[in-house]
Amino acid sequence: MASVVVVGTQWGDEGKGKMVDLLTGFAHVIVRFQGGSNAGHTVVIGDDTFIFHQLPSGILHEQKRCIVGSGVVLDPVNLVEEIREVKERGYFKDDRVLLISEEAHMVMPYHKRIDVAREKKRGAHKIGTTGRGIGPAYEDKMSRMGIRLVDLVDDEIFREKLERNLEEKNFYLVNYLQDEGFSFKELYDQYRALGEQISCYMANTSLIINQAIEQGKDILFEGAQGGLLDVDHGTYPYVTSSNTVAGSACVGAGVGPVRIDRVMGITKAYTTRVGGGPFPTELDDAIGNHLREKGGEYGATTGRPRRCGWFDAVVVKHSVRMSGLTALALTKLDVLQGLEKIKICTSYTFKDKKIQEFPASLRIQNECEPVYEEISGWEENISTVKDMSDLPLNAQKYLKIIEQLVGVEIYMISLGNERSQTMMLKNPFYRTRETR
């Protein structure tokens, strides 16, 4: 048995949804441990495309236990809609496969309104949030004002917390953000009804996960966003409001660190990010547009066009260190097909000084210049390749350079959106080269 954590290594959108969907076939339990509905995990099955914002990607597999941990901030309105949509499309037929931590905090409507109004007020200095209320929800959690799922099934506690919170939130919305407040009765009635709909999923998920580990089950911990969006270790303040590194799996799922066996980082064959913030290898040219259009680089949650650039080994090495990566899965290698030359960022320079590690200073992040290694590209169509030896020699060279620069072995390579367009060189659930 093994417990495997899957995290993003860049600024999110690395293709974690597809990789988690594939690895779910080897796991008994799939756990989402942080983030909220600002995450968008895309899974393609045949002609069907699914975008999951809160449900673990494993929900498409029958008889897999899917768990949402306490580290997630849950939007009950969106959750109910997501469950309805998945069920209407013929999946998630047994309610017993989904469990949600009763300790998870909720995203409330006032969190969303505050999120959007703040961004508007910041103007040119906006962070570039999704407007889903994630930051304000985590703020309330840390200031001990949050409302948890378990509160929904206790009328006295829910009423007391909602009344107290609305007094403060309405004052802030109306008097500072010049926006509208909320009616207590409207929110109270709506969320009590939501509580009745989702109470069947509430459980002590930490206990259940630990019991599964003790029973020898294989556990897959599914992260959201990417390592450079971590609130402590990312490009602050242009980050999300939770910890996205692998260590967050322990906190957000309620397991001890000795329970984790391996950590797989998901990385694109190039780099993208959505929203504001530093991006040393960004390409504002024809190649950047090529990567965006061929790679379909538009946000799964917001639809915003993603900024695109060359692969940045400094960024990925930062994630390797922060998350203790033991394996890599590389996605969208096929998007590089047809480029005459391909560049890999190996380090930065700032005021004539070479930088090997990702800097903490926002100024240096914005002003540093990437140092590139350049190799020739390839013309061959690789979307149907099944074996590493069948890849063009330049593609193989590209992969080897990445492994050498970041110091982690590539276990999986994605060559397209379909499940079948993936090479599994090694399986993180096994200690040998066995893949099934």
Protein backbone atom coordinates (compact mmCIF):
# COMPACT_ATOMS: atom_id res chain seq x y z
CA MET A 1 0.00 0.00 0.00
CA ALA A 2 1.08 3.62 -0.48
CA SER A 3 -0.07 7.17 0.23
CA VAL A 4 0.76 9.45 -2.69
CA VAL A 5 0.39 13.24 -2.78
CA VAL A 6 -0.10 14.96 -6.15
CA VAL A 7 0.68 18.69 -6.33
CA GLY A 8 1.29 21.32 -8.99
CA THR A 9 4.81 22.63 -9.46
CA GLN A 10 4.19 25.92 -11.30
CA TRP A 11 1.33 28.45 -11.07
CA GLY A 12 -1.46 25.91 -11.33
CA ASP A 13 -3.22 24.58 -14.44
CA GLU A 14 -0.52 21.93 -14.94
CA GLY A 15 -2.95 19.13 -15.77
CA LYS A 16 -3.41 17.66 -12.29
CA GLY A 17 -7.00 16.67 -13.03
CA LYS A 18 -6.03 14.28 -15.82
CA MET A 19 -3.15 12.75 -13.84
CA VAL A 20 -5.28 12.28 -10.74
CA ASP A 21 -7.98 10.68 -12.90
CA LEU A 22 -5.42 8.20 -14.24
CA LEU A 23 -3.86 7.45 -10.85
CA THR A 24 -7.30 6.98 -9.31
CA GLY A 25 -7.38 3.58 -11.01
CA PHE A 26 -4.65 2.44 -8.59
CA ALA A 27 -6.09 4.06 -5.43
CA HIS A 28 -8.87 3.11 -3.04
CA VAL A 29 -9.38 6.60 -1.59
CA ILE A 30 -8.96 10.02 -3.22
CA VAL A 31 -8.65 13.05 -0.94
CA ARG A 32 -8.92 16.73 -1.87
CA PHE A 33 -7.07 18.61 0.89
CA GLN A 34 -6.94 22.38 0.17
CA GLY A 35 -8.28 25.23 -1.93
CA GLY A 36 -11.85 25.85 -2.97
CA SER A 37 -14.00 26.39 -6.04
CA ASN A 38 -11.25 28.58 -7.52
CA ALA A 39 -9.60 25.32 -8.64
CA GLY A 40 -10.64 23.84 -11.97
CA HIS A 41 -9.53 20.26 -12.65
CA THR A 42 -10.32 19.20 -16.22
CA VAL A 43 -10.82 15.54 -17.13
CA VAL A 44 -11.56 14.36 -20.70
CA ILE A 45 -13.19 10.97 -21.27
CA GLY A 46 -13.92 10.32 -24.93
CA ASP A 47 -16.13 13.17 -26.13
CA ASP A 48 -17.01 14.24 -22.59
CA THR A 49 -15.16 16.99 -20.75
CA PHE A 50 -15.60 17.42 -16.99
CA ILE A 51 -14.41 20.41 -14.97
CA PHE A 52 -14.31 19.78 -11.24
CA HIS A 53 -14.12 22.71 -8.85
CA GLN A 54 -14.71 20.99 -5.52
CA LEU A 55 -15.38 17.30 -6.08
CA PRO A 56 -12.26 15.10 -6.22
CA SER A 57 -11.54 14.05 -9.81
CA GLY A 58 -11.92 10.41 -8.74
CA ILE A 59 -15.69 10.83 -8.59
CA LEU A 60 -15.85 9.55 -12.21
CA HIS A 61 -14.64 6.11 -11.06
CA GLU A 62 -17.15 3.71 -9.51
CA GLN A 63 -16.44 2.25 -6.07
CA LYS A 64 -13.74 4.81 -5.25
CA ARG A 65 -14.06 6.60 -1.92
CA CYS A 66 -13.79 10.37 -2.54
CA ILE A 67 -13.11 12.69 0.38
CA VAL A 68 -13.06 16.47 0.77
CA GLY A 69 -10.84 17.32 3.72
CA SER A 70 -11.04 20.05 6.34
CA GLY A 71 -8.41 22.14 4.54
CA VAL A 72 -10.87 22.92 1.74
CA VAL A 73 -13.13 25.97 1.93
CA LEU A 74 -16.39 24.65 0.54
CA ASP A 75 -19.03 26.57 -1.41
CA PRO A 76 -22.26 24.61 -0.72
CA VAL A 77 -24.15 26.35 -3.54
CA ASN A 78 -21.58 25.34 -6.16
CA LEU A 79 -21.14 21.90 -4.59
CA VAL A 80 -24.83 21.04 -4.95
CA GLU A 81 -24.75 22.22 -8.57
CA GLU A 82 -21.60 20.22 -9.32
CA ILE A 83 -23.11 17.06 -7.79
CA ARG A 84 -26.29 17.55 -9.81
CA GLU A 85 -24.39 17.98 -13.08
CA VAL A 86 -22.17 14.92 -12.56
CA LYS A 87 -25.16 12.76 -11.67
CA GLU A 88 -27.14 13.96 -14.69
CA ARG A 89 -24.25 12.85 -16.90
CA GLY A 90 -24.45 9.31 -15.56
CA TYR A 91 -21.73 9.34 -12.89
CA PHE A 92 -21.66 9.40 -9.07
CA LYS A 93 -24.56 6.97 -8.70
CA ASP A 94 -23.86 6.06 -5.06
CA ASP A 95 -23.92 8.89 -2.51
CA ARG A 96 -21.90 6.76 -0.10
CA VAL A 97 -18.68 7.19 -2.09
CA LEU A 98 -18.44 10.91 -1.21
CA LEU A 99 -17.51 12.17 2.24
CA ILE A 100 -16.92 15.79 3.24
CA SER A 101 -15.20 16.86 6.42
CA GLU A 102 -17.63 18.29 8.92
CA GLU A 103 -14.76 20.59 9.94
CA ALA A 104 -14.46 22.21 6.49
CA HIS A 105 -15.19 25.94 6.45
CA MET A 106 -17.80 27.39 4.11
CA VAL A 107 -17.54 30.09 1.49
CA MET A 108 -20.48 32.40 2.10
CA PRO A 109 -22.07 34.86 -0.36
CA TYR A 110 -20.55 37.80 1.50
CA HIS A 111 -17.09 36.32 0.92
CA LYS A 112 -17.67 36.41 -2.84
CA ARG A 113 -19.02 39.93 -2.83
CA ILE A 114 -16.10 41.16 -0.74
CA ASP A 115 -13.65 39.40 -3.07
CA VAL A 116 -15.04 41.07 -6.19
CA ALA A 117 -15.48 44.51 -4.59
CA ARG A 118 -11.93 44.49 -3.22
CA GLU A 119 -10.47 43.69 -6.63
CA LYS A 120 -12.48 46.54 -8.13
CA LYS A 121 -11.26 48.93 -5.44
CA ARG A 122 -7.61 47.91 -5.97
CA GLY A 123 -7.82 48.89 -9.64
CA ALA A 124 -4.44 48.52 -11.32
CA HIS A 125 -3.06 46.84 -8.19
CA LYS A 126 -5.57 43.99 -8.18
CA ILE A 127 -4.32 40.46 -7.38
CA GLY A 128 -6.27 38.73 -10.15
CA THR A 129 -8.47 36.51 -7.99
CA THR A 130 -11.23 34.34 -9.43
CA GLY A 131 -13.86 36.25 -7.43
CA ARG A 132 -14.98 32.99 -5.80
CA GLY A 133 -14.54 34.29 -2.23
CA ILE A 134 -11.65 31.99 -1.36
CA GLY A 135 -9.37 34.59 0.25
CA PRO A 136 -12.06 36.15 2.46
CA ALA A 137 -13.21 32.65 3.53
CA TYR A 138 -9.69 31.69 4.63
CA GLU A 139 -9.41 35.07 6.40
CA ASP A 140 -12.47 34.26 8.49
CA LYS A 141 -11.11 30.79 9.21
CA MET A 142 -7.87 32.23 10.59
CA SER A 143 -9.60 35.03 12.51
CA ARG A 144 -11.91 32.40 14.06
CA MET A 145 -15.04 33.84 12.49
CA GLY A 146 -15.56 31.02 10.01
CA ILE A 147 -18.71 28.96 9.68
CA ARG A 148 -18.05 25.23 9.33
CA LEU A 149 -20.22 22.57 7.74
CA VAL A 150 -20.98 21.06 11.13
CA ASP A 151 -22.53 24.41 12.12
CA LEU A 152 -25.19 24.00 9.44
CA VAL A 153 -26.80 21.13 11.33
CA ASP A 154 -26.87 23.05 14.64
CA ASP A 155 -29.50 25.76 14.31
CA GLU A 156 -28.48 27.71 17.42
CA ILE A 157 -24.80 27.91 16.53
CA PHE A 158 -25.44 28.69 12.86
CA ARG A 159 -27.90 31.46 13.70
CA GLU A 160 -25.51 33.02 16.23
CA LYS A 161 -22.49 32.93 13.91
CA LEU A 162 -24.38 34.24 10.87
CA GLU A 163 -25.89 37.15 12.84
CA ARG A 164 -22.52 38.14 14.27
CA ASN A 165 -20.72 37.85 10.94
CA LEU A 166 -23.32 39.77 8.96
CA GLU A 167 -23.14 42.69 11.36
CA GLU A 168 -19.44 43.10 10.52
CA LYS A 169 -19.55 42.09 6.84
CA ASN A 170 -22.48 44.34 5.98
CA PHE A 171 -20.78 47.32 7.63
CA TYR A 172 -17.58 46.63 5.68
CA LEU A 173 -19.40 46.09 2.38
CA VAL A 174 -21.60 49.18 2.62
CA ASN A 175 -19.31 51.70 4.31
CA TYR A 176 -15.90 50.79 2.89
CA LEU A 177 -16.46 48.90 -0.35
CA GLN A 178 -19.60 50.89 -1.31
CA ASP A 179 -21.49 47.71 -2.13
CA GLU A 180 -24.70 46.07 -0.94
CA GLY A 181 -25.14 44.10 2.27
CA PHE A 182 -27.09 40.88 2.86
CA SER A 183 -30.37 39.98 4.50
CA PHE A 184 -30.00 37.64 7.47
CA LYS A 185 -33.22 35.76 6.71
CA GLU A 186 -32.32 35.21 3.06
CA LEU A 187 -28.93 33.66 3.87
CA TYR A 188 -30.23 31.77 6.88
CA ASP A 189 -33.03 30.07 4.93
CA GLN A 190 -30.81 29.32 1.93
CA TYR A 191 -28.00 27.74 3.93
CA ARG A 192 -30.20 25.76 6.28
CA ALA A 193 -31.77 24.21 3.17
CA LEU A 194 -28.32 23.54 1.73
CA GLY A 195 -27.33 21.89 5.01
CA GLU A 196 -30.21 19.45 4.66
CA GLN A 197 -29.08 18.54 1.13
CA ILE A 198 -25.42 17.87 1.95
CA SER A 199 -25.60 16.61 5.54
CA CYS A 200 -25.55 13.02 4.26
CA TYR A 201 -21.96 13.58 3.08
CA MET A 202 -20.61 15.06 6.32
CA ALA A 203 -18.23 12.87 8.33
CA ASN A 204 -15.13 12.75 10.51
CA THR A 205 -12.94 12.34 7.45
CA SER A 206 -9.62 12.41 9.29
CA LEU A 207 -10.67 9.32 11.20
CA ILE A 208 -11.83 7.57 8.03
CA ILE A 209 -8.62 8.36 6.10
CA ASN A 210 -6.40 7.11 8.93
CA GLN A 211 -8.47 3.94 9.26
CA ALA A 212 -8.07 3.33 5.51
CA ILE A 213 -4.29 3.70 5.81
CA GLU A 214 -4.20 1.26 8.72
CA GLN A 215 -6.22 -1.20 6.62
CA GLY A 216 -3.55 -1.09 3.89
CA LYS A 217 -5.52 0.98 1.40
CA ASP A 218 -3.82 3.05 -1.32
CA ILE A 219 -4.56 6.74 -0.78
CA LEU A 220 -4.25 9.51 -3.37
CA PHE A 221 -4.08 13.07 -2.01
CA GLU A 222 -5.13 15.61 -4.65
CA GLY A 223 -3.83 19.18 -4.41
CA ALA A 224 -5.17 22.28 -6.11
CA GLN A 225 -3.40 25.27 -7.68
CA GLY A 226 0.43 25.13 -7.91
CA GLY A 227 3.55 25.43 -5.76
CA LEU A 228 4.26 29.05 -6.75
CA LEU A 229 0.77 30.02 -5.58
CA ASP A 230 1.44 28.85 -2.02
CA VAL A 231 0.59 31.60 0.46
CA ASP A 232 3.92 31.11 2.28
CA HIS A 233 6.29 29.96 -0.45
CA GLY A 234 4.86 31.45 -3.65
CA THR A 235 4.99 34.81 -5.43
CA TYR A 236 3.29 36.64 -2.56
CA PRO A 237 0.94 38.55 -2.68
CA TYR A 238 0.05 37.12 -6.11
CA VAL A 239 -0.86 33.77 -4.59
CA THR A 240 -3.87 31.81 -3.44
CA SER A 241 -4.91 31.91 0.22
CA SER A 242 -3.91 28.40 1.23
CA ASN A 243 -0.80 26.24 1.33
CA THR A 244 -0.46 24.38 -1.96
CA VAL A 245 2.74 22.47 -1.14
CA ALA A 246 2.65 18.75 -0.33
CA GLY A 247 2.93 19.27 3.44
CA SER A 248 -0.55 20.80 3.33
CA ALA A 249 -1.95 17.31 2.63
CA CYS A 250 -1.22 16.36 6.23
CA VAL A 251 -2.97 19.41 7.68
CA GLY A 252 -5.86 19.54 5.22
CA ALA A 253 -6.61 15.83 5.40
CA GLY A 254 -5.84 15.25 9.08
CA VAL A 255 -3.00 12.73 8.80
CA GLY A 256 0.52 12.69 10.22
CA PRO A 257 3.55 13.29 7.96
CA VAL A 258 4.81 9.73 8.49
CA ARG A 259 1.70 8.56 6.62
CA ILE A 260 2.93 10.03 3.30
CA ASP A 261 5.06 7.72 1.14
CA ARG A 262 5.62 9.60 -2.12
CA VAL A 263 5.01 13.01 -3.67
CA MET A 264 4.40 13.47 -7.39
CA GLY A 265 4.68 16.93 -8.91
CA ILE A 266 2.75 17.79 -12.06
CA THR A 267 4.49 20.15 -14.47
CA LYS A 268 3.74 21.41 -17.95
CA ALA A 269 6.33 21.10 -20.69
CA TYR A 270 6.20 24.90 -20.71
CA THR A 271 4.92 27.42 -18.14
CA THR A 272 1.62 29.26 -17.70
CA ARG A 273 -0.08 31.41 -15.12
CA VAL A 274 -3.40 33.24 -14.76
CA GLY A 275 -3.83 36.63 -13.15
CA GLY A 276 -1.23 39.14 -12.04
CA GLY A 277 2.23 38.59 -10.63
CA PRO A 278 5.81 37.85 -11.72
CA PHE A 279 6.49 35.49 -14.61
CA PRO A 280 10.20 35.51 -15.61
CA THR A 281 9.87 33.37 -18.78
CA GLU A 282 6.65 34.93 -20.09
CA LEU A 283 6.45 35.19 -23.89
CA ASP A 284 4.46 38.13 -25.20
CA ASP A 285 5.00 37.16 -28.83
CA ALA A 286 3.98 34.71 -31.55
CA ILE A 287 5.43 31.73 -29.67
CA GLY A 288 3.46 32.66 -26.55
CA ASN A 289 0.30 32.86 -28.67
CA HIS A 290 1.16 29.50 -30.28
CA LEU A 291 1.41 27.85 -26.85
CA ARG A 292 -1.86 29.44 -25.73
CA GLU A 293 -3.89 28.43 -28.76
CA LYS A 294 -2.44 24.97 -29.33
CA GLY A 295 -2.49 24.18 -25.63
CA GLY A 296 -6.01 25.56 -25.09
CA GLU A 297 -4.64 27.79 -22.36
CA TYR A 298 -7.79 29.37 -21.00
CA GLY A 299 -8.78 29.14 -17.34
CA ALA A 300 -11.09 26.24 -16.48
CA THR A 301 -12.69 28.33 -13.71
CA THR A 302 -12.78 31.82 -15.24
CA GLY A 303 -12.13 31.35 -18.97
CA ARG A 304 -9.35 33.94 -18.79
CA PRO A 305 -6.47 33.52 -21.28
CA ARG A 306 -3.38 32.16 -19.55
CA ARG A 307 -0.01 33.86 -19.84
CA CYS A 308 2.46 31.47 -21.49
CA GLY A 309 6.24 31.07 -21.44
CA TRP A 310 9.15 28.65 -21.65
CA PHE A 311 9.77 25.92 -19.08
CA ASP A 312 11.32 27.43 -15.96
CA ALA A 313 13.57 24.98 -14.11
CA VAL A 314 14.16 27.53 -11.31
CA VAL A 315 10.44 27.55 -10.54
CA VAL A 316 10.13 23.75 -10.63
CA LYS A 317 13.26 23.25 -8.48
CA HIS A 318 11.65 25.56 -5.92
CA SER A 319 8.61 23.26 -5.84
CA VAL A 320 10.83 20.18 -5.67
CA ARG A 321 12.39 21.55 -2.48
CA MET A 322 9.19 22.92 -0.94
CA SER A 323 7.19 19.72 -1.51
CA GLY A 324 9.93 17.10 -1.34
CA LEU A 325 9.02 15.72 -4.77
CA THR A 326 9.97 12.12 -5.48
CA ALA A 327 8.54 11.98 -9.02
CA LEU A 328 7.39 14.20 -11.88
CA ALA A 329 4.53 13.91 -14.34
CA LEU A 330 5.04 16.09 -17.41
CA THR A 331 2.00 17.26 -19.38
CA LYS A 332 1.35 18.82 -22.80
CA LEU A 333 4.62 17.76 -24.40
CA ASP A 334 2.66 17.56 -27.66
CA VAL A 335 2.06 21.33 -27.62
CA LEU A 336 5.77 21.94 -28.32
CA GLN A 337 5.56 19.95 -31.56
CA GLY A 338 6.37 22.08 -34.60
CA LEU A 339 8.54 24.65 -32.86
CA GLU A 340 11.91 25.07 -34.57
CA LYS A 341 13.73 25.91 -31.32
CA ILE A 342 12.76 25.25 -27.71
CA LYS A 343 14.21 27.06 -24.72
CA ILE A 344 14.58 25.98 -21.09
CA CYS A 345 15.26 28.52 -18.34
CA THR A 346 18.18 27.24 -16.25
CA SER A 347 18.78 30.27 -13.99
CA TYR A 348 18.17 34.04 -13.71
CA THR A 349 20.35 37.13 -13.68
CA PHE A 350 19.64 40.24 -11.62
CA LYS A 351 21.97 43.23 -11.83
CA ASP A 352 24.67 41.01 -13.36
CA LYS A 353 24.35 38.47 -10.54
CA LYS A 354 23.43 34.86 -11.36
CA ILE A 355 20.47 33.44 -9.40
CA GLN A 356 20.00 29.68 -9.14
CA GLU A 357 17.11 29.60 -6.62
CA PHE A 358 13.74 31.33 -6.84
CA PRO A 359 14.01 34.69 -5.01
CA ALA A 360 11.61 35.84 -2.28
CA SER A 361 11.77 39.52 -3.31
CA LEU A 362 8.90 40.60 -5.53
CA ARG A 363 11.15 43.23 -7.08
CA ILE A 364 13.77 40.66 -8.08
CA GLN A 365 11.09 38.28 -9.36
CA ASN A 366 9.76 41.06 -11.61
CA GLU A 367 13.11 42.38 -12.81
CA CYS A 368 15.27 39.26 -13.15
CA GLU A 369 16.17 37.98 -16.63
CA PRO A 370 15.96 34.28 -17.55
CA VAL A 371 19.07 32.44 -18.72
CA TYR A 372 18.16 29.88 -21.39
CA GLU A 373 19.49 26.65 -22.81
CA GLU A 374 18.23 26.15 -26.36
CA ILE A 375 17.65 22.89 -28.23
CA SER A 376 16.16 22.01 -31.59
CA GLY A 377 12.50 21.06 -31.73
CA TRP A 378 10.72 18.29 -33.65
CA GLU A 379 8.04 18.05 -36.34
CA GLU A 380 6.77 14.51 -35.72
CA ASN A 381 3.26 13.98 -34.31
CA ILE A 382 3.76 12.43 -30.87
CA SER A 383 0.13 12.33 -29.69
CA THR A 384 -0.17 8.55 -30.18
CA VAL A 385 3.31 7.50 -28.98
CA LYS A 386 3.20 4.74 -26.35
CA ASP A 387 6.88 4.21 -25.54
CA MET A 388 9.67 6.61 -24.62
CA SER A 389 11.99 5.12 -27.25
CA ASP A 390 9.50 6.06 -29.97
CA LEU A 391 9.61 9.77 -29.15
CA PRO A 392 11.72 11.96 -31.46
CA LEU A 393 15.33 12.18 -30.24
CA ASN A 394 14.99 15.91 -29.58
CA ALA A 395 11.91 15.29 -27.42
CA GLN A 396 13.82 12.66 -25.46
CA LYS A 397 16.70 15.11 -25.06
CA TYR A 398 14.29 17.76 -23.77
CA LEU A 399 12.95 15.41 -21.10
CA LYS A 400 16.45 14.38 -19.99
CA ILE A 401 17.51 18.00 -19.62
CA ILE A 402 14.49 18.70 -17.42
CA GLU A 403 15.24 15.68 -15.21
CA GLN A 404 18.86 16.78 -14.81
CA LEU A 405 17.99 20.39 -14.03
CA VAL A 406 15.31 19.71 -11.39
CA GLY A 407 16.81 16.51 -9.99
CA VAL A 408 13.64 14.42 -10.13
CA GLU A 409 12.75 11.51 -12.41
CA ILE A 410 9.81 11.74 -14.81
CA TYR A 411 7.30 8.94 -14.16
CA MET A 412 4.46 9.99 -16.49
CA ILE A 413 4.22 11.93 -19.76
CA SER A 414 0.96 13.33 -21.16
CA LEU A 415 0.71 13.75 -24.94
CA GLY A 416 -2.90 14.93 -25.23
CA ASN A 417 -6.18 15.38 -23.37
CA GLU A 418 -7.38 11.78 -23.57
CA ARG A 419 -6.67 9.23 -20.84
CA SER A 420 -5.05 6.99 -23.49
CA GLN A 421 -2.59 9.71 -24.50
CA THR A 422 -0.34 9.12 -21.51
CA MET A 423 2.87 7.18 -21.04
CA MET A 424 3.34 5.72 -17.55
CA LEU A 425 7.03 4.94 -17.20
CA LYS A 426 6.71 4.20 -13.50
CA ASN A 427 3.77 4.06 -11.15
CA PRO A 428 4.13 6.09 -7.92
CA PHE A 429 2.00 3.54 -6.07
CA TYR A 430 4.69 0.89 -6.62
CA ARG A 431 8.32 0.79 -5.53
CA THR A 432 9.47 -0.96 -8.71
CA ARG A 433 8.96 -0.27 -12.41
CA GLU A 434 5.71 -2.23 -12.28
CA THR A 435 2.83 -0.16 -13.68
CA ARG A 436 -0.18 -2.31 -13.07
